[in-house]
Amino acid sequence: MTDTLWKCEQLRAGAVTNKVMFNTREEAERFVAQMQKMEPDLFWRMEPVEARMVWN
């Protein structure tokens, strides 16, 4: 487990419609790339988050 997680948020009309967390940046980038191929009209924001800030 790392100290940093990667949060991906799907945005539609400026509102967050979906959130997904990943352990590594590579996993997050791969996920966003796949989602952009499937739904190119939706925007995904990816950002690092400290693991201690995430609740189960």
PDB file of N, CA and C in Angstrom:
ATOM      1  N   MET A   1       0.850  -1.182   0.000  1.00  0.00           N
ATOM      2  CA  MET A   1       0.000   0.000   0.000  1.00  0.00           C
ATOM      3  C   MET A   1       0.888   1.235   0.000  1.00  0.00           C
ATOM      4  N   THR A   2       0.536   2.175  -0.835  1.00  0.00           N
ATOM      5  CA  THR A   2       1.301   3.415  -0.922  1.00  0.00           C
ATOM      6  C   THR A   2       0.625   4.506  -0.110  1.00  0.00           C
ATOM      7  N   ASP A   3       1.307   5.619   0.050  1.00  0.00           N
ATOM      8  CA  ASP A   3       0.734   6.754   0.768  1.00  0.00           C
ATOM      9  C   ASP A   3      -0.156   7.607  -0.127  1.00  0.00           C
ATOM     10  N   THR A   4      -0.093   7.344  -1.435  1.00  0.00           N
ATOM     11  CA  THR A   4      -0.879   8.123  -2.389  1.00  0.00           C
ATOM     12  C   THR A   4      -1.800   7.216  -3.183  1.00  0.00           C
ATOM     13  N   LEU A   5      -3.060   7.601  -3.273  1.00  0.00           N
ATOM     14  CA  LEU A   5      -4.028   6.936  -4.139  1.00  0.00           C
ATOM     15  C   LEU A   5      -4.369   7.899  -5.265  1.00  0.00           C
ATOM     16  N   TRP A   6      -4.944   7.369  -6.331  1.00  0.00           N
ATOM     17  CA  TRP A   6      -5.323   8.195  -7.472  1.00  0.00           C
ATOM     18  C   TRP A   6      -6.823   8.154  -7.635  1.00  0.00           C
ATOM     19  N   LYS A   7      -7.434   9.324  -7.582  1.00  0.00           N
ATOM     20  CA  LYS A   7      -8.880   9.435  -7.702  1.00  0.00           C
ATOM     21  C   LYS A   7      -9.232   9.893  -9.110  1.00  0.00           C
ATOM     22  N   CYS A   8     -10.142   9.160  -9.744  1.00  0.00           N
ATOM     23  CA  CYS A   8     -10.653   9.545 -11.055  1.00  0.00           C
ATOM     24  C   CYS A   8     -12.121   9.911 -10.881  1.00  0.00           C
ATOM     25  N   GLU A   9     -12.487  11.072 -11.367  1.00  0.00           N
ATOM     26  CA  GLU A   9     -13.867  11.534 -11.284  1.00  0.00           C
ATOM     27  C   GLU A   9     -14.406  11.766 -12.683  1.00  0.00           C
ATOM     28  N   GLN A  10     -15.592  11.233 -12.929  1.00  0.00           N
ATOM     29  CA  GLN A  10     -16.269  11.457 -14.203  1.00  0.00           C
ATOM     30  C   GLN A  10     -17.158  12.682 -14.057  1.00  0.00           C
ATOM     31  N   LEU A  11     -17.021  13.604 -15.014  1.00  0.00           N
ATOM     32  CA  LEU A  11     -17.794  14.847 -14.960  1.00  0.00           C
ATOM     33  C   LEU A  11     -18.759  14.921 -16.138  1.00  0.00           C
ATOM     34  N   ARG A  12     -19.955  15.359 -15.833  1.00  0.00           N
ATOM     35  CA  ARG A  12     -20.951  15.618 -16.875  1.00  0.00           C
ATOM     36  C   ARG A  12     -21.624  16.932 -16.532  1.00  0.00           C
ATOM     37  N   ALA A  13     -21.521  17.894 -17.415  1.00  0.00           N
ATOM     38  CA  ALA A  13     -22.091  19.232 -17.203  1.00  0.00           C
ATOM     39  C   ALA A  13     -21.574  19.851 -15.901  1.00  0.00           C
ATOM     40  N   GLY A  14     -20.300  19.606 -15.589  1.00  0.00           N
ATOM     41  CA  GLY A  14     -19.680  20.191 -14.408  1.00  0.00           C
ATOM     42  C   GLY A  14     -19.976  19.486 -13.103  1.00  0.00           C
ATOM     43  N   ALA A  15     -20.796  18.428 -13.138  1.00  0.00           N
ATOM     44  CA  ALA A  15     -21.135  17.688 -11.920  1.00  0.00           C
ATOM     45  C   ALA A  15     -20.429  16.328 -11.929  1.00  0.00           C
ATOM     46  N   VAL A  16     -19.934  15.914 -10.762  1.00  0.00           N
ATOM     47  CA  VAL A  16     -19.288  14.608 -10.632  1.00  0.00           C
ATOM     48  C   VAL A  16     -20.368  13.533 -10.649  1.00  0.00           C
ATOM     49  N   THR A  17     -20.255  12.595 -11.587  1.00  0.00           N
ATOM     50  CA  THR A  17     -21.244  11.518 -11.691  1.00  0.00           C
ATOM     51  C   THR A  17     -20.686  10.165 -11.270  1.00  0.00           C
ATOM     52  N   ASN A  18     -19.358  10.056 -11.140  1.00  0.00           N
ATOM     53  CA  ASN A  18     -18.751   8.784 -10.777  1.00  0.00           C
ATOM     54  C   ASN A  18     -17.356   9.039 -10.222  1.00  0.00           C
ATOM     55  N   LYS A  19     -16.962   8.236  -9.215  1.00  0.00           N
ATOM     56  CA  LYS A  19     -15.610   8.315  -8.657  1.00  0.00           C
ATOM     57  C   LYS A  19     -15.041   6.907  -8.556  1.00  0.00           C
ATOM     58  N   VAL A  20     -13.772   6.769  -8.929  1.00  0.00           N
ATOM     59  CA  VAL A  20     -13.082   5.484  -8.850  1.00  0.00           C
ATOM     60  C   VAL A  20     -11.690   5.749  -8.292  1.00  0.00           C
ATOM     61  N   MET A  21     -11.224   4.884  -7.361  1.00  0.00           N
ATOM     62  CA  MET A  21      -9.902   5.040  -6.746  1.00  0.00           C
ATOM     63  C   MET A  21      -8.964   3.939  -7.238  1.00  0.00           C
ATOM     64  N   PHE A  22      -7.676   4.299  -7.419  1.00  0.00           N
ATOM     65  CA  PHE A  22      -6.660   3.352  -7.862  1.00  0.00           C
ATOM     66  C   PHE A  22      -5.411   3.497  -7.000  1.00  0.00           C
ATOM     67  N   ASN A  23      -4.654   2.413  -6.892  1.00  0.00           N
ATOM     68  CA  ASN A  23      -3.434   2.411  -6.085  1.00  0.00           C
ATOM     69  C   ASN A  23      -2.257   3.081  -6.786  1.00  0.00           C
ATOM     70  N   THR A  24      -2.237   3.033  -8.117  1.00  0.00           N
ATOM     71  CA  THR A  24      -1.115   3.611  -8.852  1.00  0.00           C
ATOM     72  C   THR A  24      -1.601   4.550  -9.949  1.00  0.00           C
ATOM     73  N   ARG A  25      -0.728   5.454 -10.343  1.00  0.00           N
ATOM     74  CA  ARG A  25      -1.057   6.389 -11.421  1.00  0.00           C
ATOM     75  C   ARG A  25      -1.257   5.645 -12.738  1.00  0.00           C
ATOM     76  N   GLU A  26      -0.439   4.612 -12.967  1.00  0.00           N
ATOM     77  CA  GLU A  26      -0.541   3.848 -14.208  1.00  0.00           C
ATOM     78  C   GLU A  26      -1.917   3.200 -14.344  1.00  0.00           C
ATOM     79  N   GLU A  27      -2.431   2.619 -13.255  1.00  0.00           N
ATOM     80  CA  GLU A  27      -3.772   2.012 -13.285  1.00  0.00           C
ATOM     81  C   GLU A  27      -4.830   3.064 -13.606  1.00  0.00           C
ATOM     82  N   ALA A  28      -4.717   4.219 -12.990  1.00  0.00           N
ATOM     83  CA  ALA A  28      -5.682   5.296 -13.206  1.00  0.00           C
ATOM     84  C   ALA A  28      -5.624   5.791 -14.649  1.00  0.00           C
ATOM     85  N   GLU A  29      -4.420   5.983 -15.184  1.00  0.00           N
ATOM     86  CA  GLU A  29      -4.283   6.444 -16.563  1.00  0.00           C
ATOM     87  C   GLU A  29      -4.840   5.435 -17.555  1.00  0.00           C
ATOM     88  N   ARG A  30      -4.594   4.153 -17.296  1.00  0.00           N
ATOM     89  CA  ARG A  30      -5.110   3.096 -18.171  1.00  0.00           C
ATOM     90  C   ARG A  30      -6.645   3.078 -18.150  1.00  0.00           C
ATOM     91  N   PHE A  31      -7.226   3.230 -16.965  1.00  0.00           N
ATOM     92  CA  PHE A  31      -8.682   3.263 -16.824  1.00  0.00           C
ATOM     93  C   PHE A  31      -9.282   4.456 -17.572  1.00  0.00           C
ATOM     94  N   VAL A  32      -8.714   5.643 -17.367  1.00  0.00           N
ATOM     95  CA  VAL A  32      -9.224   6.847 -18.028  1.00  0.00           C
ATOM     96  C   VAL A  32      -9.115   6.707 -19.550  1.00  0.00           C
ATOM     97  N   ALA A  33      -8.020   6.148 -20.042  1.00  0.00           N
ATOM     98  CA  ALA A  33      -7.849   5.963 -21.490  1.00  0.00           C
ATOM     99  C   ALA A  33      -8.925   5.031 -22.048  1.00  0.00           C
ATOM    100  N   GLN A  34      -9.208   3.943 -21.333  1.00  0.00           N
ATOM    101  CA  GLN A  34     -10.248   3.009 -21.772  1.00  0.00           C
ATOM    102  C   GLN A  34     -11.620   3.671 -21.764  1.00  0.00           C
ATOM    103  N   MET A  35     -11.910   4.440 -20.731  1.00  0.00           N
ATOM    104  CA  MET A  35     -13.209   5.093 -20.631  1.00  0.00           C
ATOM    105  C   MET A  35     -13.379   6.157 -21.703  1.00  0.00           C
ATOM    106  N   GLN A  36     -12.307   6.874 -22.037  1.00  0.00           N
ATOM    107  CA  GLN A  36     -12.394   7.898 -23.077  1.00  0.00           C
ATOM    108  C   GLN A  36     -12.639   7.283 -24.452  1.00  0.00           C
ATOM    109  N   LYS A  37     -12.159   6.059 -24.662  1.00  0.00           N
ATOM    110  CA  LYS A  37     -12.440   5.365 -25.919  1.00  0.00           C
ATOM    111  C   LYS A  37     -13.917   4.978 -25.990  1.00  0.00           C
ATOM    112  N   MET A  38     -14.478   4.557 -24.868  1.00  0.00           N
ATOM    113  CA  MET A  38     -15.867   4.115 -24.830  1.00  0.00           C
ATOM    114  C   MET A  38     -16.850   5.282 -24.870  1.00  0.00           C
ATOM    115  N   GLU A  39     -16.528   6.353 -24.141  1.00  0.00           N
ATOM    116  CA  GLU A  39     -17.408   7.518 -24.060  1.00  0.00           C
ATOM    117  C   GLU A  39     -16.579   8.797 -24.211  1.00  0.00           C
ATOM    118  N   PRO A  40     -16.225   9.146 -25.449  1.00  0.00           N
ATOM    119  CA  PRO A  40     -15.341  10.298 -25.664  1.00  0.00           C
ATOM    120  C   PRO A  40     -15.967  11.642 -25.295  1.00  0.00           C
ATOM    121  N   ASP A  41     -17.280  11.696 -25.135  1.00  0.00           N
ATOM    122  CA  ASP A  41     -17.937  12.963 -24.799  1.00  0.00           C
ATOM    123  C   ASP A  41     -17.943  13.261 -23.305  1.00  0.00           C
ATOM    124  N   LEU A  42     -17.482  12.318 -22.480  1.00  0.00           N
ATOM    125  CA  LEU A  42     -17.423  12.534 -21.035  1.00  0.00           C
ATOM    126  C   LEU A  42     -15.993  12.870 -20.621  1.00  0.00           C
ATOM    127  N   PHE A  43     -15.868  13.737 -19.643  1.00  0.00           N
ATOM    128  CA  PHE A  43     -14.560  14.184 -19.168  1.00  0.00           C
ATOM    129  C   PHE A  43     -14.213  13.464 -17.874  1.00  0.00           C
ATOM    130  N   TRP A  44     -12.986  13.000 -17.752  1.00  0.00           N
ATOM    131  CA  TRP A  44     -12.482  12.371 -16.535  1.00  0.00           C
ATOM    132  C   TRP A  44     -11.361  13.227 -15.964  1.00  0.00           C
ATOM    133  N   ARG A  45     -11.453  13.518 -14.682  1.00  0.00           N
ATOM    134  CA  ARG A  45     -10.406  14.260 -13.973  1.00  0.00           C
ATOM    135  C   ARG A  45      -9.664  13.256 -13.089  1.00  0.00           C
ATOM    136  N   MET A  46      -8.347  13.327 -13.094  1.00  0.00           N
ATOM    137  CA  MET A  46      -7.527  12.406 -12.307  1.00  0.00           C
ATOM    138  C   MET A  46      -6.641  13.224 -11.381  1.00  0.00           C
ATOM    139  N   GLU A  47      -6.603  12.853 -10.098  1.00  0.00           N
ATOM    140  CA  GLU A  47      -5.766  13.596  -9.163  1.00  0.00           C
ATOM    141  C   GLU A  47      -5.254  12.684  -8.045  1.00  0.00           C
ATOM    142  N   PRO A  48      -4.054  12.989  -7.516  1.00  0.00           N
ATOM    143  CA  PRO A  48      -3.519  12.224  -6.393  1.00  0.00           C
ATOM    144  C   PRO A  48      -4.211  12.635  -5.098  1.00  0.00           C
ATOM    145  N   VAL A  49      -4.390  11.649  -4.211  1.00  0.00           N
ATOM    146  CA  VAL A  49      -5.020  11.886  -2.913  1.00  0.00           C
ATOM    147  C   VAL A  49      -4.212  11.131  -1.864  1.00  0.00           C
ATOM    148  N   GLU A  50      -3.961  11.761  -0.745  1.00  0.00           N
ATOM    149  CA  GLU A  50      -3.264  11.068   0.339  1.00  0.00           C
ATOM    150  C   GLU A  50      -4.152   9.950   0.867  1.00  0.00           C
ATOM    151  N   ALA A  51      -3.583   8.770   1.051  1.00  0.00           N
ATOM    152  CA  ALA A  51      -4.360   7.608   1.465  1.00  0.00           C
ATOM    153  C   ALA A  51      -5.054   7.842   2.813  1.00  0.00           C
ATOM    154  N   ARG A  52      -4.449   8.617   3.682  1.00  0.00           N
ATOM    155  CA  ARG A  52      -5.045   8.836   4.997  1.00  0.00           C
ATOM    156  C   ARG A  52      -6.313   9.704   4.912  1.00  0.00           C
ATOM    157  N   MET A  53      -6.525  10.347   3.757  1.00  0.00           N
ATOM    158  CA  MET A  53      -7.705  11.197   3.580  1.00  0.00           C
ATOM    159  C   MET A  53      -8.916  10.416   3.045  1.00  0.00           C
ATOM    160  N   VAL A  54      -8.712   9.117   2.727  1.00  0.00           N
ATOM    161  CA  VAL A  54      -9.780   8.297   2.141  1.00  0.00           C
ATOM    162  C   VAL A  54     -10.397   7.424   3.221  1.00  0.00           C
ATOM    163  N   TRP A  55     -11.706   7.429   3.281  1.00  0.00           N
ATOM    164  CA  TRP A  55     -12.436   6.595   4.235  1.00  0.00           C
ATOM    165  C   TRP A  55     -12.945   5.350   3.531  1.00  0.00           C
ATOM    166  N   ASN A  56     -13.031   4.265   4.250  1.00  0.00           N
ATOM    167  CA  ASN A  56     -13.602   3.014   3.702  1.00  0.00           C
ATOM    168  C   ASN A  56     -15.095   3.072   3.726  1.00  0.00           C
TER     169      ASN A  56
END
